Amino acid sequence: MNSRDRILQRLRSSADAPRPDPLQTPCDWPLPERSEWLALFRQNLSDNHAEVIECDDNNWPELVASVLAEKGVSVLRSGNHAEGRLLVDSVSAMLDAACITGEQSKETLFHQIDAGFSVATAGLAETGSLVIVTGANEPRTLSLVPPLNIVLLRASAMVANFSQLVAQGRMPSPMPTNVLLISGPSKTADIQQTLAYGAHGPKQLVVILVMDI
């Protein structure tokens, strides 16, 4: 048997071997303790130049309104969900606010909308990431294009990491076309390694963390 045959034999044996179920196989690295999730999540986002603002279920619309006023937002668009409709009702007297369904035109997204509001399905403590399941009522471009991205996350939706999220069956079935993982504002670096924010998406990310636990 020559070298080629030996390599092919090993490849065939590997292909025929039973594979472990990734959802049943324990991780070989330590997961963050539940008591550490919130602090780790906040620190990771802060390290990536995102703002995290804590509030409760009663005052978050007023808090978002103050953020919009502080940042000089004139036009806000939100996904068409209960939280978005509540926010639009709260701020419509002070700015142009509306819920949308479906993707918007490039002209509208790039030149007319100052801020987008979305609701995260989950938060990943290990990486400080927001999980946003997109669809007709939560357009993906709303959190990827406007210069200010505001995302509401309930602390009760926090998990240790993405593997745990999947293992707990908390992803929708069937899977949507797009699931966004957002860990900070858009950034890039040139050949001199100088960071620039907002080159390919939102320049600012504000996370509204509702402390419902």
N, C-alpha and C. Protein backbone atom coordinates (compact mmCIF):
# COMPACT_ATOMS: atom_id res chain seq x y z
N MET A 1 0.86 -1.20 0.00
CA MET A 1 0.00 0.00 0.00
C MET A 1 0.89 1.25 0.00
N ASN A 2 0.67 2.11 -0.95
CA ASN A 2 1.48 3.32 -1.03
C ASN A 2 0.90 4.42 -0.15
N SER A 3 1.59 5.57 -0.11
CA SER A 3 1.17 6.67 0.76
C SER A 3 -0.21 7.18 0.41
N ARG A 4 -0.50 7.26 -0.90
CA ARG A 4 -1.82 7.75 -1.33
C ARG A 4 -2.93 6.85 -0.80
N ASP A 5 -2.74 5.55 -0.91
CA ASP A 5 -3.77 4.61 -0.45
C ASP A 5 -3.96 4.68 1.06
N ARG A 6 -2.86 4.86 1.78
CA ARG A 6 -2.97 4.96 3.24
C ARG A 6 -3.75 6.21 3.66
N ILE A 7 -3.49 7.32 2.97
CA ILE A 7 -4.21 8.55 3.28
C ILE A 7 -5.69 8.39 2.99
N LEU A 8 -6.01 7.80 1.83
CA LEU A 8 -7.42 7.61 1.47
C LEU A 8 -8.10 6.66 2.45
N GLN A 9 -7.40 5.65 2.91
CA GLN A 9 -7.98 4.72 3.87
C GLN A 9 -8.31 5.41 5.19
N ARG A 10 -7.41 6.27 5.64
CA ARG A 10 -7.66 7.01 6.89
C ARG A 10 -8.86 7.94 6.73
N LEU A 11 -8.95 8.59 5.58
CA LEU A 11 -10.09 9.50 5.33
C LEU A 11 -11.40 8.73 5.32
N ARG A 12 -11.42 7.55 4.69
CA ARG A 12 -12.64 6.76 4.64
C ARG A 12 -13.03 6.28 6.03
N SER A 13 -12.04 5.87 6.80
CA SER A 13 -12.32 5.40 8.17
C SER A 13 -12.89 6.52 9.02
N SER A 14 -12.32 7.71 8.86
CA SER A 14 -12.81 8.86 9.62
C SER A 14 -14.23 9.21 9.23
N ALA A 15 -14.55 9.11 7.94
CA ALA A 15 -15.90 9.45 7.47
C ALA A 15 -16.94 8.47 7.99
N ASP A 16 -16.53 7.20 8.16
CA ASP A 16 -17.47 6.17 8.61
C ASP A 16 -17.63 6.14 10.13
N ALA A 17 -16.73 6.77 10.86
CA ALA A 17 -16.78 6.72 12.33
C ALA A 17 -17.97 7.51 12.85
N PRO A 18 -18.64 7.03 13.90
CA PRO A 18 -19.76 7.78 14.47
C PRO A 18 -19.30 9.12 15.03
N ARG A 19 -20.11 10.15 14.83
CA ARG A 19 -19.77 11.49 15.30
C ARG A 19 -20.58 11.83 16.53
N PRO A 20 -19.96 12.47 17.51
CA PRO A 20 -20.70 12.85 18.72
C PRO A 20 -21.73 13.93 18.43
N ASP A 21 -22.81 13.91 19.17
CA ASP A 21 -23.83 14.95 19.07
C ASP A 21 -23.31 16.19 19.77
N PRO A 22 -23.12 17.32 19.04
CA PRO A 22 -22.54 18.51 19.68
C PRO A 22 -23.41 19.06 20.81
N LEU A 23 -24.72 18.77 20.77
CA LEU A 23 -25.60 19.27 21.83
C LEU A 23 -25.52 18.41 23.08
N GLN A 24 -24.99 17.19 22.94
CA GLN A 24 -24.88 16.29 24.09
C GLN A 24 -23.45 16.17 24.59
N THR A 25 -22.51 16.71 23.85
CA THR A 25 -21.12 16.63 24.23
C THR A 25 -20.75 17.79 25.14
N PRO A 26 -20.29 17.53 26.36
CA PRO A 26 -19.97 18.64 27.26
C PRO A 26 -18.81 19.48 26.74
N CYS A 27 -18.87 20.78 27.00
CA CYS A 27 -17.78 21.68 26.59
C CYS A 27 -16.52 21.34 27.37
N ASP A 28 -15.37 21.50 26.74
CA ASP A 28 -14.11 21.22 27.43
C ASP A 28 -13.49 22.50 27.98
N TRP A 29 -14.29 23.58 28.09
CA TRP A 29 -13.81 24.79 28.74
C TRP A 29 -14.87 25.22 29.75
N PRO A 30 -14.47 25.92 30.81
CA PRO A 30 -15.45 26.29 31.85
C PRO A 30 -16.40 27.37 31.37
N LEU A 31 -17.68 27.18 31.61
CA LEU A 31 -18.67 28.20 31.30
C LEU A 31 -18.71 29.24 32.41
N PRO A 32 -19.05 30.47 32.08
CA PRO A 32 -19.20 31.48 33.14
C PRO A 32 -20.31 31.08 34.11
N GLU A 33 -20.09 31.35 35.38
CA GLU A 33 -21.13 31.10 36.38
C GLU A 33 -22.29 32.08 36.15
N ARG A 34 -23.51 31.63 36.47
CA ARG A 34 -24.69 32.48 36.27
C ARG A 34 -24.54 33.81 37.00
N SER A 35 -23.94 33.79 38.18
CA SER A 35 -23.78 35.02 38.96
C SER A 35 -22.85 36.02 38.27
N GLU A 36 -22.07 35.54 37.30
CA GLU A 36 -21.11 36.41 36.61
C GLU A 36 -21.64 36.90 35.27
N TRP A 37 -22.76 36.38 34.82
CA TRP A 37 -23.22 36.65 33.46
C TRP A 37 -23.38 38.13 33.17
N LEU A 38 -24.13 38.83 34.03
CA LEU A 38 -24.43 40.23 33.75
C LEU A 38 -23.16 41.09 33.74
N ALA A 39 -22.31 40.89 34.73
CA ALA A 39 -21.08 41.68 34.80
C ALA A 39 -20.18 41.39 33.60
N LEU A 40 -20.08 40.13 33.20
CA LEU A 40 -19.25 39.76 32.07
C LEU A 40 -19.82 40.32 30.77
N PHE A 41 -21.14 40.25 30.63
CA PHE A 41 -21.82 40.78 29.45
C PHE A 41 -21.58 42.28 29.32
N ARG A 42 -21.77 43.01 30.42
CA ARG A 42 -21.56 44.47 30.41
C ARG A 42 -20.12 44.82 30.07
N GLN A 43 -19.17 44.09 30.68
CA GLN A 43 -17.76 44.39 30.48
C GLN A 43 -17.35 44.15 29.03
N ASN A 44 -17.82 43.04 28.45
CA ASN A 44 -17.47 42.74 27.07
C ASN A 44 -18.00 43.80 26.11
N LEU A 45 -19.24 44.23 26.31
CA LEU A 45 -19.80 45.27 25.45
C LEU A 45 -19.07 46.59 25.64
N SER A 46 -18.77 46.92 26.88
CA SER A 46 -18.06 48.17 27.15
C SER A 46 -16.68 48.16 26.50
N ASP A 47 -16.01 47.01 26.55
CA ASP A 47 -14.69 46.89 25.91
C ASP A 47 -14.77 47.10 24.41
N ASN A 48 -15.94 46.82 23.84
CA ASN A 48 -16.14 46.99 22.40
C ASN A 48 -16.83 48.31 22.05
N HIS A 49 -16.79 49.27 23.00
CA HIS A 49 -17.28 50.63 22.77
C HIS A 49 -18.80 50.72 22.59
N ALA A 50 -19.52 49.84 23.26
CA ALA A 50 -20.98 49.94 23.29
C ALA A 50 -21.40 50.51 24.64
N GLU A 51 -22.56 51.16 24.67
CA GLU A 51 -23.12 51.66 25.92
C GLU A 51 -24.15 50.66 26.44
N VAL A 52 -24.11 50.39 27.73
CA VAL A 52 -25.10 49.53 28.37
C VAL A 52 -25.79 50.33 29.45
N ILE A 53 -27.11 50.44 29.35
CA ILE A 53 -27.89 51.22 30.30
C ILE A 53 -28.92 50.30 30.95
N GLU A 54 -28.86 50.20 32.26
CA GLU A 54 -29.80 49.34 32.99
C GLU A 54 -31.06 50.11 33.35
N CYS A 55 -32.19 49.41 33.34
CA CYS A 55 -33.45 50.03 33.70
C CYS A 55 -34.41 48.92 34.12
N ASP A 56 -35.66 49.27 34.37
CA ASP A 56 -36.65 48.26 34.69
C ASP A 56 -37.75 48.27 33.64
N ASP A 57 -38.71 47.38 33.81
CA ASP A 57 -39.74 47.21 32.79
C ASP A 57 -40.68 48.40 32.70
N ASN A 58 -40.68 49.25 33.71
CA ASN A 58 -41.62 50.38 33.73
C ASN A 58 -41.07 51.64 33.10
N ASN A 59 -39.74 51.81 33.15
CA ASN A 59 -39.20 53.11 32.72
C ASN A 59 -38.33 53.06 31.48
N TRP A 60 -38.21 51.91 30.82
CA TRP A 60 -37.28 51.86 29.68
C TRP A 60 -37.70 52.76 28.52
N PRO A 61 -39.02 52.93 28.21
CA PRO A 61 -39.34 53.85 27.10
C PRO A 61 -38.89 55.29 27.38
N GLU A 62 -39.06 55.75 28.63
CA GLU A 62 -38.61 57.10 28.98
C GLU A 62 -37.10 57.20 28.89
N LEU A 63 -36.41 56.14 29.28
CA LEU A 63 -34.95 56.14 29.21
C LEU A 63 -34.48 56.20 27.75
N VAL A 64 -35.12 55.42 26.87
CA VAL A 64 -34.75 55.47 25.45
C VAL A 64 -35.05 56.85 24.88
N ALA A 65 -36.15 57.46 25.30
CA ALA A 65 -36.48 58.80 24.83
C ALA A 65 -35.38 59.79 25.20
N SER A 66 -34.84 59.65 26.40
CA SER A 66 -33.76 60.56 26.82
C SER A 66 -32.49 60.32 26.01
N VAL A 67 -32.22 59.06 25.67
CA VAL A 67 -31.05 58.74 24.83
C VAL A 67 -31.21 59.36 23.45
N LEU A 68 -32.41 59.26 22.88
CA LEU A 68 -32.67 59.82 21.56
C LEU A 68 -32.50 61.34 21.56
N ALA A 69 -33.01 61.99 22.62
CA ALA A 69 -32.87 63.44 22.72
C ALA A 69 -31.40 63.84 22.87
N GLU A 70 -30.68 63.10 23.69
CA GLU A 70 -29.26 63.40 23.94
C GLU A 70 -28.43 63.28 22.66
N LYS A 71 -28.78 62.31 21.82
CA LYS A 71 -28.00 62.06 20.62
C LYS A 71 -28.56 62.79 19.39
N GLY A 72 -29.58 63.61 19.59
CA GLY A 72 -30.10 64.43 18.51
C GLY A 72 -30.79 63.66 17.41
N VAL A 73 -31.47 62.58 17.76
CA VAL A 73 -32.16 61.76 16.76
C VAL A 73 -33.44 62.46 16.31
N SER A 74 -33.62 62.55 15.00
CA SER A 74 -34.83 63.15 14.43
C SER A 74 -35.77 62.11 13.84
N VAL A 75 -35.18 61.01 13.32
CA VAL A 75 -35.99 59.98 12.67
C VAL A 75 -35.62 58.62 13.26
N LEU A 76 -36.61 57.96 13.84
CA LEU A 76 -36.42 56.64 14.45
C LEU A 76 -37.33 55.64 13.76
N ARG A 77 -36.79 54.46 13.48
CA ARG A 77 -37.61 53.37 12.97
C ARG A 77 -37.38 52.13 13.84
N SER A 78 -38.47 51.41 14.06
CA SER A 78 -38.42 50.24 14.94
C SER A 78 -39.02 49.05 14.23
N GLY A 79 -38.65 47.87 14.70
CA GLY A 79 -39.34 46.67 14.26
C GLY A 79 -40.78 46.71 14.75
N ASN A 80 -41.63 45.95 14.09
CA ASN A 80 -43.05 45.97 14.41
C ASN A 80 -43.37 44.90 15.46
N HIS A 81 -43.04 45.21 16.72
CA HIS A 81 -43.32 44.31 17.83
C HIS A 81 -43.85 45.13 18.99
N ALA A 82 -44.27 44.47 20.06
CA ALA A 82 -44.91 45.17 21.18
C ALA A 82 -44.01 46.26 21.76
N GLU A 83 -42.72 45.95 21.93
CA GLU A 83 -41.80 46.94 22.48
C GLU A 83 -41.63 48.12 21.53
N GLY A 84 -41.54 47.83 20.25
CA GLY A 84 -41.39 48.91 19.28
C GLY A 84 -42.60 49.82 19.24
N ARG A 85 -43.80 49.24 19.27
CA ARG A 85 -45.01 50.06 19.26
C ARG A 85 -45.11 50.91 20.52
N LEU A 86 -44.71 50.35 21.65
CA LEU A 86 -44.73 51.12 22.90
C LEU A 86 -43.76 52.29 22.83
N LEU A 87 -42.57 52.06 22.29
CA LEU A 87 -41.58 53.14 22.18
C LEU A 87 -42.06 54.22 21.22
N VAL A 88 -42.58 53.82 20.07
CA VAL A 88 -43.06 54.79 19.09
C VAL A 88 -44.15 55.67 19.70
N ASP A 89 -45.07 55.09 20.45
CA ASP A 89 -46.11 55.87 21.11
C ASP A 89 -45.52 56.85 22.11
N SER A 90 -44.42 56.46 22.74
CA SER A 90 -43.81 57.30 23.78
C SER A 90 -43.04 58.48 23.22
N VAL A 91 -42.49 58.34 22.01
CA VAL A 91 -41.60 59.39 21.49
C VAL A 91 -42.14 60.11 20.26
N SER A 92 -43.31 59.70 19.77
CA SER A 92 -43.82 60.27 18.52
C SER A 92 -44.08 61.77 18.61
N ALA A 93 -44.27 62.30 19.83
CA ALA A 93 -44.51 63.74 19.97
C ALA A 93 -43.22 64.55 19.81
N MET A 94 -42.06 63.90 19.97
CA MET A 94 -40.80 64.63 19.95
C MET A 94 -39.98 64.39 18.68
N LEU A 95 -40.32 63.35 17.90
CA LEU A 95 -39.56 63.08 16.68
C LEU A 95 -40.39 62.22 15.74
N ASP A 96 -39.85 62.01 14.54
CA ASP A 96 -40.51 61.17 13.54
C ASP A 96 -40.20 59.72 13.88
N ALA A 97 -41.19 59.00 14.39
CA ALA A 97 -40.99 57.61 14.81
C ALA A 97 -42.08 56.74 14.24
N ALA A 98 -41.71 55.54 13.82
CA ALA A 98 -42.69 54.61 13.26
C ALA A 98 -42.13 53.20 13.30
N CYS A 99 -43.04 52.22 13.34
CA CYS A 99 -42.67 50.82 13.19
C CYS A 99 -42.71 50.45 11.72
N ILE A 100 -41.82 49.57 11.32
CA ILE A 100 -41.79 49.14 9.92
C ILE A 100 -41.80 47.63 9.84
N THR A 101 -42.24 47.14 8.72
CA THR A 101 -42.16 45.70 8.44
C THR A 101 -41.43 45.53 7.11
N GLY A 102 -40.60 44.53 7.03
CA GLY A 102 -39.84 44.30 5.81
C GLY A 102 -38.65 45.23 5.68
N GLU A 103 -37.78 44.92 4.74
CA GLU A 103 -36.58 45.73 4.53
C GLU A 103 -36.93 47.05 3.87
N GLN A 104 -36.17 48.08 4.21
CA GLN A 104 -36.38 49.41 3.64
C GLN A 104 -35.44 49.63 2.44
N SER A 105 -35.75 50.62 1.64
CA SER A 105 -34.89 50.94 0.50
C SER A 105 -33.55 51.48 0.99
N LYS A 106 -32.53 51.35 0.18
CA LYS A 106 -31.21 51.85 0.56
C LYS A 106 -31.24 53.36 0.77
N GLU A 107 -31.98 54.07 -0.05
CA GLU A 107 -32.07 55.52 0.08
C GLU A 107 -32.62 55.89 1.45
N THR A 108 -33.67 55.19 1.88
CA THR A 108 -34.27 55.47 3.18
C THR A 108 -33.31 55.12 4.31
N LEU A 109 -32.71 53.95 4.25
CA LEU A 109 -31.85 53.47 5.32
C LEU A 109 -30.60 54.33 5.49
N PHE A 110 -29.97 54.69 4.38
CA PHE A 110 -28.68 55.37 4.46
C PHE A 110 -28.81 56.88 4.63
N HIS A 111 -29.94 57.45 4.25
CA HIS A 111 -30.01 58.90 4.23
C HIS A 111 -31.15 59.50 5.05
N GLN A 112 -32.09 58.70 5.50
CA GLN A 112 -33.26 59.28 6.16
C GLN A 112 -33.47 58.82 7.61
N ILE A 113 -32.91 57.69 7.99
CA ILE A 113 -33.13 57.14 9.33
C ILE A 113 -31.90 57.39 10.20
N ASP A 114 -32.12 58.05 11.34
CA ASP A 114 -31.02 58.33 12.26
C ASP A 114 -30.73 57.17 13.20
N ALA A 115 -31.77 56.43 13.58
CA ALA A 115 -31.61 55.37 14.58
C ALA A 115 -32.59 54.24 14.33
N GLY A 116 -32.15 53.02 14.64
CA GLY A 116 -33.01 51.85 14.55
C GLY A 116 -33.16 51.23 15.93
N PHE A 117 -34.35 50.72 16.22
CA PHE A 117 -34.62 50.08 17.51
C PHE A 117 -35.00 48.63 17.28
N SER A 118 -34.32 47.72 17.97
CA SER A 118 -34.57 46.30 17.83
C SER A 118 -34.67 45.66 19.21
N VAL A 119 -35.20 44.44 19.24
CA VAL A 119 -35.30 43.67 20.49
C VAL A 119 -34.50 42.39 20.31
N ALA A 120 -33.59 42.13 21.25
CA ALA A 120 -32.75 40.94 21.18
C ALA A 120 -33.49 39.73 21.74
N THR A 121 -33.29 38.61 21.09
CA THR A 121 -33.85 37.35 21.56
C THR A 121 -33.08 36.83 22.77
N ALA A 122 -31.78 37.08 22.79
CA ALA A 122 -30.93 36.59 23.89
C ALA A 122 -29.66 37.42 23.96
N GLY A 123 -28.96 37.28 25.09
CA GLY A 123 -27.64 37.88 25.26
C GLY A 123 -26.65 36.79 25.62
N LEU A 124 -25.45 36.85 25.07
CA LEU A 124 -24.41 35.85 25.33
C LEU A 124 -23.34 36.46 26.23
N ALA A 125 -23.28 35.99 27.47
CA ALA A 125 -22.39 36.59 28.45
C ALA A 125 -20.92 36.45 28.06
N GLU A 126 -20.55 35.29 27.54
CA GLU A 126 -19.16 34.98 27.28
C GLU A 126 -18.51 35.94 26.29
N THR A 127 -19.29 36.42 25.32
CA THR A 127 -18.75 37.31 24.29
C THR A 127 -19.37 38.70 24.30
N GLY A 128 -20.36 38.93 25.18
CA GLY A 128 -21.05 40.22 25.18
C GLY A 128 -21.80 40.45 23.89
N SER A 129 -22.48 39.42 23.40
CA SER A 129 -23.17 39.50 22.11
C SER A 129 -24.68 39.53 22.28
N LEU A 130 -25.33 40.26 21.37
CA LEU A 130 -26.78 40.29 21.28
C LEU A 130 -27.22 39.38 20.16
N VAL A 131 -28.20 38.55 20.41
CA VAL A 131 -28.75 37.66 19.39
C VAL A 131 -30.07 38.25 18.92
N ILE A 132 -30.14 38.63 17.66
CA ILE A 132 -31.37 39.20 17.09
C ILE A 132 -31.86 38.29 15.98
N VAL A 133 -33.02 37.73 16.19
CA VAL A 133 -33.65 36.88 15.18
C VAL A 133 -34.45 37.79 14.26
N THR A 134 -34.05 37.86 13.01
CA THR A 134 -34.67 38.79 12.08
C THR A 134 -35.82 38.13 11.33
N GLY A 135 -36.66 38.98 10.75
CA GLY A 135 -37.82 38.52 10.01
C GLY A 135 -38.62 39.71 9.54
N ALA A 136 -39.85 39.46 9.11
CA ALA A 136 -40.67 40.54 8.58
C ALA A 136 -40.89 41.65 9.60
N ASN A 137 -41.05 41.30 10.88
CA ASN A 137 -41.32 42.29 11.91
C ASN A 137 -40.06 42.77 12.64
N GLU A 138 -38.91 42.20 12.29
CA GLU A 138 -37.62 42.64 12.86
C GLU A 138 -36.61 42.68 11.72
N PRO A 139 -36.71 43.70 10.85
CA PRO A 139 -35.85 43.75 9.65
C PRO A 139 -34.37 43.75 10.01
N ARG A 140 -33.59 42.96 9.31
CA ARG A 140 -32.17 42.84 9.63
C ARG A 140 -31.43 44.15 9.39
N THR A 141 -31.79 44.88 8.32
CA THR A 141 -31.06 46.10 8.00
C THR A 141 -31.29 47.20 9.02
N LEU A 142 -32.34 47.09 9.83
CA LEU A 142 -32.63 48.13 10.80
C LEU A 142 -31.54 48.23 11.87
N SER A 143 -30.88 47.11 12.16
CA SER A 143 -29.81 47.12 13.15
C SER A 143 -28.43 47.06 12.51
N LEU A 144 -28.37 47.13 11.18
CA LEU A 144 -27.09 47.04 10.49
C LEU A 144 -26.69 48.30 9.75
N VAL A 145 -27.65 49.22 9.50
CA VAL A 145 -27.34 50.37 8.65
C VAL A 145 -27.41 51.72 9.37
N PRO A 146 -28.52 52.10 10.03
CA PRO A 146 -28.59 53.43 10.65
C PRO A 146 -27.41 53.68 11.60
N PRO A 147 -26.95 54.92 11.71
CA PRO A 147 -25.75 55.21 12.50
C PRO A 147 -25.88 54.91 13.99
N LEU A 148 -27.10 54.91 14.52
CA LEU A 148 -27.32 54.58 15.92
C LEU A 148 -28.20 53.34 16.01
N ASN A 149 -27.70 52.33 16.71
CA ASN A 149 -28.43 51.08 16.89
C ASN A 149 -28.78 50.95 18.37
N ILE A 150 -30.08 50.93 18.67
CA ILE A 150 -30.55 50.76 20.04
C ILE A 150 -31.22 49.39 20.14
N VAL A 151 -30.74 48.58 21.08
CA VAL A 151 -31.25 47.21 21.21
C VAL A 151 -31.70 46.99 22.64
N LEU A 152 -32.92 46.51 22.80
CA LEU A 152 -33.45 46.19 24.11
C LEU A 152 -33.22 44.71 24.39
N LEU A 153 -32.68 44.41 25.57
CA LEU A 153 -32.45 43.02 26.00
C LEU A 153 -32.94 42.86 27.43
N ARG A 154 -33.71 41.81 27.66
CA ARG A 154 -34.14 41.49 29.02
C ARG A 154 -33.09 40.60 29.67
N ALA A 155 -32.73 40.93 30.90
CA ALA A 155 -31.70 40.17 31.60
C ALA A 155 -32.08 38.70 31.74
N SER A 156 -33.37 38.41 31.79
CA SER A 156 -33.82 37.03 31.92
C SER A 156 -33.50 36.20 30.68
N ALA A 157 -33.16 36.87 29.56
CA ALA A 157 -32.84 36.17 28.31
C ALA A 157 -31.34 35.90 28.17
N MET A 158 -30.58 36.15 29.23
CA MET A 158 -29.13 35.95 29.19
C MET A 158 -28.77 34.48 29.32
N VAL A 159 -27.80 34.03 28.53
CA VAL A 159 -27.23 32.69 28.67
C VAL A 159 -25.72 32.81 28.67
N ALA A 160 -25.05 31.69 28.96
CA ALA A 160 -23.59 31.74 29.06
C ALA A 160 -22.94 31.97 27.70
N ASN A 161 -23.38 31.22 26.69
CA ASN A 161 -22.79 31.35 25.35
C ASN A 161 -23.74 30.79 24.30
N PHE A 162 -23.30 30.82 23.04
CA PHE A 162 -24.18 30.40 21.95
C PHE A 162 -24.49 28.91 22.02
N SER A 163 -23.51 28.10 22.43
CA SER A 163 -23.75 26.66 22.54
C SER A 163 -24.88 26.37 23.52
N GLN A 164 -24.88 27.08 24.63
CA GLN A 164 -25.93 26.88 25.61
C GLN A 164 -27.29 27.32 25.07
N LEU A 165 -27.30 28.41 24.33
CA LEU A 165 -28.54 28.90 23.73
C LEU A 165 -29.16 27.83 22.84
N VAL A 166 -28.33 27.20 22.00
CA VAL A 166 -28.82 26.17 21.09
C VAL A 166 -29.22 24.92 21.87
N ALA A 167 -28.40 24.52 22.84
CA ALA A 167 -28.68 23.30 23.61
C ALA A 167 -29.99 23.40 24.37
N GLN A 168 -30.35 24.61 24.79
CA GLN A 168 -31.59 24.80 25.53
C GLN A 168 -32.81 24.93 24.61
N GLY A 169 -32.58 24.82 23.30
CA GLY A 169 -33.70 24.88 22.36
C GLY A 169 -34.34 26.25 22.26
N ARG A 170 -33.55 27.30 22.46
CA ARG A 170 -34.11 28.65 22.46
C ARG A 170 -33.98 29.36 21.12
N MET A 171 -33.50 28.65 20.12
CA MET A 171 -33.49 29.21 18.77
C MET A 171 -34.77 28.78 18.06
N PRO A 172 -35.32 29.66 17.22
CA PRO A 172 -36.58 29.32 16.55
C PRO A 172 -36.42 28.16 15.58
N SER A 173 -37.49 27.43 15.40
CA SER A 173 -37.50 26.32 14.45
C SER A 173 -38.74 26.43 13.58
N PRO A 174 -38.59 26.44 12.26
CA PRO A 174 -37.32 26.34 11.53
C PRO A 174 -36.50 27.61 11.67
N MET A 175 -35.21 27.48 11.44
CA MET A 175 -34.33 28.63 11.58
C MET A 175 -34.67 29.70 10.55
N PRO A 176 -34.62 30.98 10.95
CA PRO A 176 -34.87 32.07 10.00
C PRO A 176 -33.71 32.22 9.03
N THR A 177 -33.91 33.03 8.02
CA THR A 177 -32.86 33.26 7.03
C THR A 177 -31.64 33.90 7.65
N ASN A 178 -31.87 34.82 8.60
CA ASN A 178 -30.76 35.53 9.23
C ASN A 178 -30.93 35.60 10.74
N VAL A 179 -29.85 35.33 11.45
CA VAL A 179 -29.75 35.57 12.88
C VAL A 179 -28.51 36.45 13.07
N LEU A 180 -28.69 37.60 13.69
CA LEU A 180 -27.58 38.53 13.88
C LEU A 180 -26.94 38.34 15.25
N LEU A 181 -25.63 38.35 15.30
CA LEU A 181 -24.87 38.38 16.55
C LEU A 181 -24.12 39.70 16.56
N ILE A 182 -24.50 40.58 17.47
CA ILE A 182 -23.93 41.92 17.53
C ILE A 182 -23.18 42.09 18.84
N SER A 183 -21.91 42.46 18.73
CA SER A 183 -21.07 42.59 19.93
C SER A 183 -20.51 43.99 20.11
N GLY A 184 -20.96 44.94 19.29
CA GLY A 184 -20.48 46.31 19.41
C GLY A 184 -20.81 47.07 18.14
N PRO A 185 -20.48 48.35 18.11
CA PRO A 185 -20.68 49.14 16.88
C PRO A 185 -19.78 48.64 15.78
N SER A 186 -20.11 49.00 14.54
CA SER A 186 -19.29 48.61 13.40
C SER A 186 -17.92 49.26 13.49
N LYS A 187 -16.89 48.50 13.21
CA LYS A 187 -15.53 49.06 13.22
C LYS A 187 -14.65 48.34 12.22
N THR A 188 -13.65 49.05 11.77
CA THR A 188 -12.67 48.49 10.85
C THR A 188 -11.33 49.17 11.12
N ALA A 189 -10.27 48.64 10.54
CA ALA A 189 -8.94 49.23 10.73
C ALA A 189 -8.22 49.28 9.39
N ASP A 190 -7.42 50.35 9.21
CA ASP A 190 -6.65 50.46 7.98
C ASP A 190 -5.32 49.73 8.14
N ILE A 191 -4.45 49.88 7.16
CA ILE A 191 -3.19 49.15 7.17
C ILE A 191 -2.30 49.56 8.35
N GLN A 192 -2.54 50.75 8.90
CA GLN A 192 -1.78 51.21 10.07
C GLN A 192 -2.45 50.80 11.38
N GLN A 193 -3.50 49.98 11.28
CA GLN A 193 -4.22 49.45 12.44
C GLN A 193 -4.90 50.55 13.25
N THR A 194 -5.36 51.59 12.55
CA THR A 194 -6.11 52.66 13.21
C THR A 194 -7.59 52.33 13.10
N LEU A 195 -8.26 52.17 14.26
CA LEU A 195 -9.67 51.81 14.27
C LEU A 195 -10.54 52.97 13.83
N ALA A 196 -11.53 52.66 13.02
CA ALA A 196 -12.54 53.64 12.61
C ALA A 196 -13.91 53.02 12.85
N TYR A 197 -14.80 53.78 13.46
CA TYR A 197 -16.13 53.28 13.79
C TYR A 197 -17.17 53.78 12.81
N GLY A 198 -18.12 52.90 12.48
CA GLY A 198 -19.22 53.28 11.61
C GLY A 198 -18.94 53.15 10.13
N ALA A 199 -17.83 52.55 9.75
CA ALA A 199 -17.49 52.45 8.33
C ALA A 199 -18.44 51.51 7.58
N HIS A 200 -18.89 50.46 8.24
CA HIS A 200 -19.72 49.46 7.56
C HIS A 200 -21.05 49.23 8.27
N GLY A 201 -21.45 50.13 9.12
CA GLY A 201 -22.70 49.94 9.86
C GLY A 201 -22.83 50.97 10.96
N PRO A 202 -23.61 50.67 12.00
CA PRO A 202 -23.84 51.66 13.07
C PRO A 202 -22.55 52.11 13.74
N LYS A 203 -22.46 53.41 13.93
CA LYS A 203 -21.29 53.98 14.62
C LYS A 203 -21.45 53.86 16.13
N GLN A 204 -22.70 53.78 16.60
CA GLN A 204 -22.97 53.70 18.03
C GLN A 204 -23.95 52.56 18.31
N LEU A 205 -23.68 51.83 19.39
CA LEU A 205 -24.59 50.78 19.86
C LEU A 205 -24.95 51.08 21.31
N VAL A 206 -26.26 51.20 21.56
CA VAL A 206 -26.75 51.41 22.93
C VAL A 206 -27.61 50.21 23.29
N VAL A 207 -27.25 49.53 24.35
CA VAL A 207 -28.01 48.37 24.82
C VAL A 207 -28.84 48.77 26.03
N ILE A 208 -30.15 48.60 25.92
CA ILE A 208 -31.06 48.88 27.02
C ILE A 208 -31.30 47.55 27.74
N LEU A 209 -30.69 47.40 28.89
CA LEU A 209 -30.75 46.14 29.63
C LEU A 209 -31.84 46.22 30.68
N VAL A 210 -32.96 45.53 30.44
CA VAL A 210 -34.09 45.54 31.35
C VAL A 210 -33.85 44.50 32.45
N MET A 211 -33.70 44.96 33.66
CA MET A 211 -33.39 44.08 34.79
C MET A 211 -34.68 43.45 35.31
N ASP A 212 -35.08 42.36 34.67
CA ASP A 212 -36.32 41.68 35.05
C ASP A 212 -36.06 40.39 35.82
N ILE A 213 -34.89 40.28 36.43
CA ILE A 213 -34.57 39.10 37.25
C ILE A 213 -34.17 39.55 38.65
